[in-house]
Structure formats: structure tokens, C-alpha cells
Protein backbone atom coordinates (compact mmCIF):
# COMPACT_ATOMS: atom_id res chain seq x y z
CA UNK A 1 13.74 6.70 22.39
CA UNK A 2 15.73 4.44 20.43
CA UNK A 3 19.50 5.71 22.98
CA UNK A 4 17.29 5.10 25.65
CA UNK A 5 16.18 1.69 25.41
CA UNK A 6 19.63 0.81 24.43
CA UNK A 7 21.14 2.42 27.63
CA UNK A 8 18.65 -0.14 29.22
CA UNK A 9 19.89 -3.21 26.96
CA UNK A 10 23.52 -2.26 28.06
CA UNK A 11 23.11 -1.79 32.37
CA UNK A 12 21.10 -5.12 32.32
CA UNK A 13 23.70 -6.48 29.58
CA UNK A 14 26.21 -5.11 32.45
CA UNK A 15 24.20 -6.54 35.81
CA UNK A 16 23.94 -9.96 34.11
CA UNK A 17 27.55 -10.28 33.36
CA UNK A 18 28.89 -9.21 37.25
CA UNK A 19 26.08 -11.60 38.22
CA UNK A 20 27.55 -14.24 36.17
CA UNK A 21 30.83 -13.12 36.99
CA UNK A 22 30.07 -13.41 41.48
CA UNK A 23 28.59 -15.91 40.71
CA UNK A 24 32.23 -17.78 39.59
CA UNK A 25 33.23 -16.77 41.92
CA UNK A 26 31.22 -18.21 44.74
CA UNK A 27 31.96 -21.36 42.93
CA UNK A 28 35.50 -21.52 43.01
CA UNK A 29 35.60 -20.07 46.21
CA UNK A 30 33.00 -23.30 47.30
CA UNK A 31 35.55 -26.13 44.82
CA UNK A 32 38.88 -24.18 46.33
CA UNK A 33 37.14 -24.47 50.60
CA UNK A 34 35.88 -28.41 49.31
CA UNK A 35 40.28 -29.70 47.78
CA UNK A 36 41.07 -27.68 50.53
CA UNK A 37 39.37 -29.36 53.23
CA UNK A 38 40.04 -32.74 51.61
CA UNK A 39 43.77 -32.15 51.25
CA UNK A 40 43.46 -31.34 55.25
CA UNK A 41 41.93 -34.99 55.69
CA UNK A 42 43.53 -36.84 54.34
CA UNK A 43 46.70 -35.22 56.10
CA UNK A 44 44.26 -35.85 59.47
CA UNK A 45 45.50 -39.30 58.41
CA UNK A 46 48.17 -39.52 57.26
CA UNK A 47 47.81 -40.95 53.80
CA UNK A 48 50.54 -41.37 51.65
CA UNK A 49 54.45 -41.62 51.64
CA UNK A 50 56.50 -38.75 52.89
CA UNK A 51 57.21 -36.56 49.74
CA UNK A 52 53.02 -36.68 48.99
CA UNK A 53 52.16 -35.60 52.35
CA UNK A 54 54.61 -32.20 51.59
CA UNK A 55 53.59 -31.58 48.48
CA UNK A 56 50.48 -31.48 50.07
CA UNK A 57 51.45 -29.13 52.24
CA UNK A 58 53.31 -27.29 49.90
CA UNK A 59 49.70 -26.85 48.82
CA UNK A 60 47.78 -26.11 50.62
CA UNK A 61 50.02 -23.26 51.64
CA UNK A 62 49.19 -21.97 48.50
CA UNK A 63 45.29 -21.97 48.57
CA UNK A 64 45.96 -20.23 51.60
CA UNK A 65 47.72 -17.55 49.53
CA UNK A 66 44.86 -16.91 47.31
CA UNK A 67 41.75 -17.40 50.23
CA UNK A 68 41.71 -13.79 50.64
CA UNK A 69 41.06 -13.23 47.13
CA UNK A 70 38.60 -15.24 46.40
CA UNK A 71 36.63 -14.69 49.81
CA UNK A 72 37.13 -10.56 48.28
CA UNK A 73 35.79 -10.63 45.28
CA UNK A 74 32.92 -13.53 47.28
CA UNK A 75 32.09 -9.91 48.45
CA UNK A 76 33.38 -12.47 51.72
CA UNK A 77 35.21 -12.26 54.72
CA UNK A 78 38.99 -12.54 54.63
CA UNK A 79 39.84 -11.97 57.94
CA UNK A 80 39.21 -16.13 59.17
CA UNK A 81 41.97 -16.63 56.80
CA UNK A 82 44.99 -15.43 59.08
CA UNK A 83 44.21 -18.15 62.22
CA UNK A 84 44.60 -20.25 59.46
CA UNK A 85 47.65 -19.81 58.39
CA UNK A 86 48.85 -20.19 61.51
CA UNK A 87 47.25 -23.51 62.12
CA UNK A 88 48.70 -24.35 58.79
CA UNK A 89 52.48 -23.24 60.72
CA UNK A 90 52.25 -25.16 63.47
CA UNK A 91 50.47 -28.22 61.32
CA UNK A 92 47.16 -27.90 63.40
CA UNK A 93 45.94 -29.76 61.40
CA UNK A 94 42.37 -30.60 63.22
CA UNK A 95 41.86 -26.24 63.87
CA UNK A 96 42.48 -25.85 59.47
CA UNK A 97 39.62 -27.99 59.10
CA UNK A 98 37.05 -26.71 61.75
CA UNK A 99 37.62 -23.56 60.41
CA UNK A 100 37.96 -25.10 56.53
CA UNK A 101 34.22 -26.47 57.85
CA UNK A 102 32.67 -23.13 58.11
CA UNK A 103 33.63 -21.85 55.08
CA UNK A 104 32.46 -25.04 53.63
CA UNK A 105 28.73 -24.40 55.62
CA UNK A 106 28.90 -20.56 54.44
CA UNK A 107 29.84 -21.50 50.79
CA UNK A 108 28.63 -25.03 49.80
CA UNK A 109 29.45 -26.44 46.34
CA UNK A 110 26.98 -27.33 43.70
CA UNK A 111 28.66 -30.21 42.39
CA UNK A 112 25.17 -31.06 40.57
CA UNK A 113 26.27 -29.93 37.23
CA UNK A 114 28.79 -32.28 37.04
CA UNK A 115 27.50 -35.28 38.19
CA UNK A 116 25.02 -36.81 36.38
CA UNK A 117 22.58 -39.27 36.91
CA UNK A 118 22.40 -40.99 34.21
CA UNK A 119 24.93 -40.38 31.70
CA UNK A 120 24.36 -41.52 28.30
CA UNK A 121 26.85 -43.70 26.05
CA UNK A 122 27.63 -40.63 24.20
CA UNK A 123 28.57 -38.40 27.24
CA UNK A 124 30.34 -41.93 28.37
CA UNK A 125 32.05 -41.46 24.50
CA UNK A 126 32.97 -37.97 25.94
CA UNK A 127 34.48 -39.05 28.32
CA UNK A 128 36.38 -41.67 27.30
CA UNK A 129 37.80 -40.00 24.42
CA UNK A 130 38.82 -36.35 27.13
CA UNK A 131 40.49 -39.13 29.03
CA UNK A 132 42.58 -41.30 26.59
CA UNK A 133 42.98 -37.90 24.83
CA UNK A 134 44.36 -35.10 27.98
CA UNK A 135 44.33 -37.78 31.29
CA UNK A 136 45.60 -41.09 30.76
CA UNK A 137 48.86 -39.92 29.62
CA UNK A 138 49.69 -39.24 33.83
CA UNK A 139 47.51 -40.57 35.65
CA UNK A 140 46.94 -44.21 33.57
CA UNK A 141 50.63 -44.82 35.40
CA UNK A 142 51.20 -45.65 38.54
CA UNK A 143 52.71 -42.35 40.51
CA UNK A 144 55.34 -42.86 42.91
CA UNK A 145 55.38 -41.29 45.58
CA UNK A 146 56.38 -37.47 44.53
CA UNK A 147 55.50 -33.72 46.41
CA UNK A 148 51.86 -33.99 43.46
CA UNK A 149 51.42 -37.68 41.94
CA UNK A 150 48.87 -37.67 39.47
CA UNK A 151 46.89 -40.51 40.69
CA UNK A 152 44.97 -43.09 38.21
CA UNK A 153 41.61 -41.27 38.27
CA UNK A 154 39.35 -43.84 38.80
CA UNK A 155 40.44 -45.13 41.96
CA UNK A 156 40.79 -41.49 42.94
CA UNK A 157 36.86 -41.26 42.97
CA UNK A 158 36.85 -44.41 45.31
CA UNK A 159 39.07 -42.43 47.60
CA UNK A 160 36.97 -39.87 48.65
CA UNK A 161 33.82 -38.21 47.95
CA UNK A 162 31.93 -37.26 44.05
CA UNK A 163 31.51 -33.66 45.44
CA UNK A 164 35.65 -32.96 46.53
CA UNK A 165 36.25 -35.45 43.47
CA UNK A 166 34.29 -32.55 41.53
CA UNK A 167 35.67 -29.66 42.63
CA UNK A 168 39.14 -30.57 42.29
CA UNK A 169 38.60 -31.18 37.98
CA UNK A 170 36.50 -28.10 38.15
CA UNK A 171 39.63 -26.12 39.57
CA UNK A 172 42.03 -27.96 37.51
CA UNK A 173 45.70 -29.49 37.30
CA UNK A 174 47.05 -28.47 39.78
CA UNK A 175 50.84 -27.52 40.61
CA UNK A 176 51.42 -26.81 37.42
CA UNK A 177 50.84 -23.00 36.88
CA UNK A 178 50.35 -23.08 33.46
CA UNK A 179 47.12 -25.31 33.52
CA UNK A 180 46.34 -25.03 36.83
CA UNK A 181 45.16 -20.78 35.73
CA UNK A 182 42.10 -21.98 35.18
CA UNK A 183 40.46 -25.00 33.90
CA UNK A 184 40.61 -25.87 30.83
CA UNK A 185 36.82 -27.79 30.41
CA UNK A 186 33.34 -27.33 30.21
CA UNK A 187 30.83 -28.23 32.82
CA UNK A 188 29.30 -31.08 30.34
CA UNK A 189 33.02 -32.17 29.84
CA UNK A 190 33.60 -32.97 32.56
CA UNK A 191 30.95 -34.03 34.07
CA UNK A 192 31.57 -36.84 30.80
CA UNK A 193 34.85 -37.71 32.70
CA UNK A 194 33.68 -38.06 36.24
CA UNK A 195 30.49 -40.34 34.16
CA UNK A 196 33.60 -42.41 32.76
CA UNK A 197 35.19 -42.99 36.35
CA UNK A 198 31.48 -43.23 37.91
CA UNK A 199 30.83 -46.19 36.25
CA UNK A 200 34.87 -47.83 36.18
CA UNK A 201 34.65 -47.80 39.75
CA UNK A 202 31.21 -49.30 40.28
CA UNK A 203 30.35 -45.22 42.25
CA UNK A 204 27.09 -44.52 40.71
């Protein structure tokens, strides 16, 4: 009887872990699609200098390389990525934007856990501490025209929807293979950072 109960408990734990993993795959996919759509929007608006736009194209192509794997992990269909890559190769940003809009409807990014409605003083203090120790060194200096410039995060938040900004933070530092594969912060820490930047930007 005890062995049977143990087996049932183990099976339940495995199912729970699998469900959590699937949820995380869908979350990362939704965040990636949101960020890609934002990058395409910037290319269509001709934002930034020539080097920065080149960096956006390279980042999009890198994201398109990993998108089929993200779709498979989320039980999605990777086939549309073939046409998306062709659009990117042609510089057809409108076509790529339309394909990404379809994916965004299929995999909407839920940013609610990262966008606190009423941040507490403790949350703002945590955000300020993380910013000073981790973000300020790169992001408080004005970014020159480069492939992937580190921009002022408060200014960046004001330039895009808050959900997109949250997706960018969730995915972590971009363009550096030593840090871009996994975000080192918890949702609570990311929410504290976003609350800090929102307060500074006056966008709450």
C-alpha cells in the first residue's frame, strides 16, 4: 500500500513538473515573439543609427534560428518560421510583422506578474539596489550607435508598451551568449525593476 501511494505521489510530481515546464516554454516563446515584434516595429520606423539597425536584423535572425525549437517545446507548429525567415532575408518587415502578429495572438505574453499596480517602498528599494549593482554600469551611460547599444532603461520603457519592456527583461541580457540564455532574476526582482523605471518615467 505504501509503495502504491509513493508511486502515485511520484507520478503526480512528475506531471506537475511537466506542466510547469510546458508553461515556462510557452511563456518564453510568448516573450520572444513580443520582443521580435518590437524589433521589427523599430526597423519599420527606421529607429536608431545604421549600426543599431544592423544589430536589430542580426538579433532577429538569431531569434528566428531558435524559434522553431521554442515552438516545438510549446507544442506549436514550427512550419511558419520558414516563411518568416524568407521575409527577413528580403527585408520584408511588414510581412514579418504580420506573421509575428499571428503568433502573438496564439501565444500572448502575460506580463501581469511583472507589472505591479501599486509598488511598495520595499519593492522600489529592491529595484534601486538591483539597478545600482547590476544595470547602471552599462545602462546609465548614453549609448552610442553600435550593434546592440545599452540604452537608458527608463527612457527605453517610455518608448515601448510596458508588456514589451517586461518581455525584454524576462528574456535577459541580449546579444551576450554568457548571459542571454537565462535571466538571473526572479519575477519579484524583475517586477521591482520595472516598478522603479515606471516611477522614474511617470508611466504608472
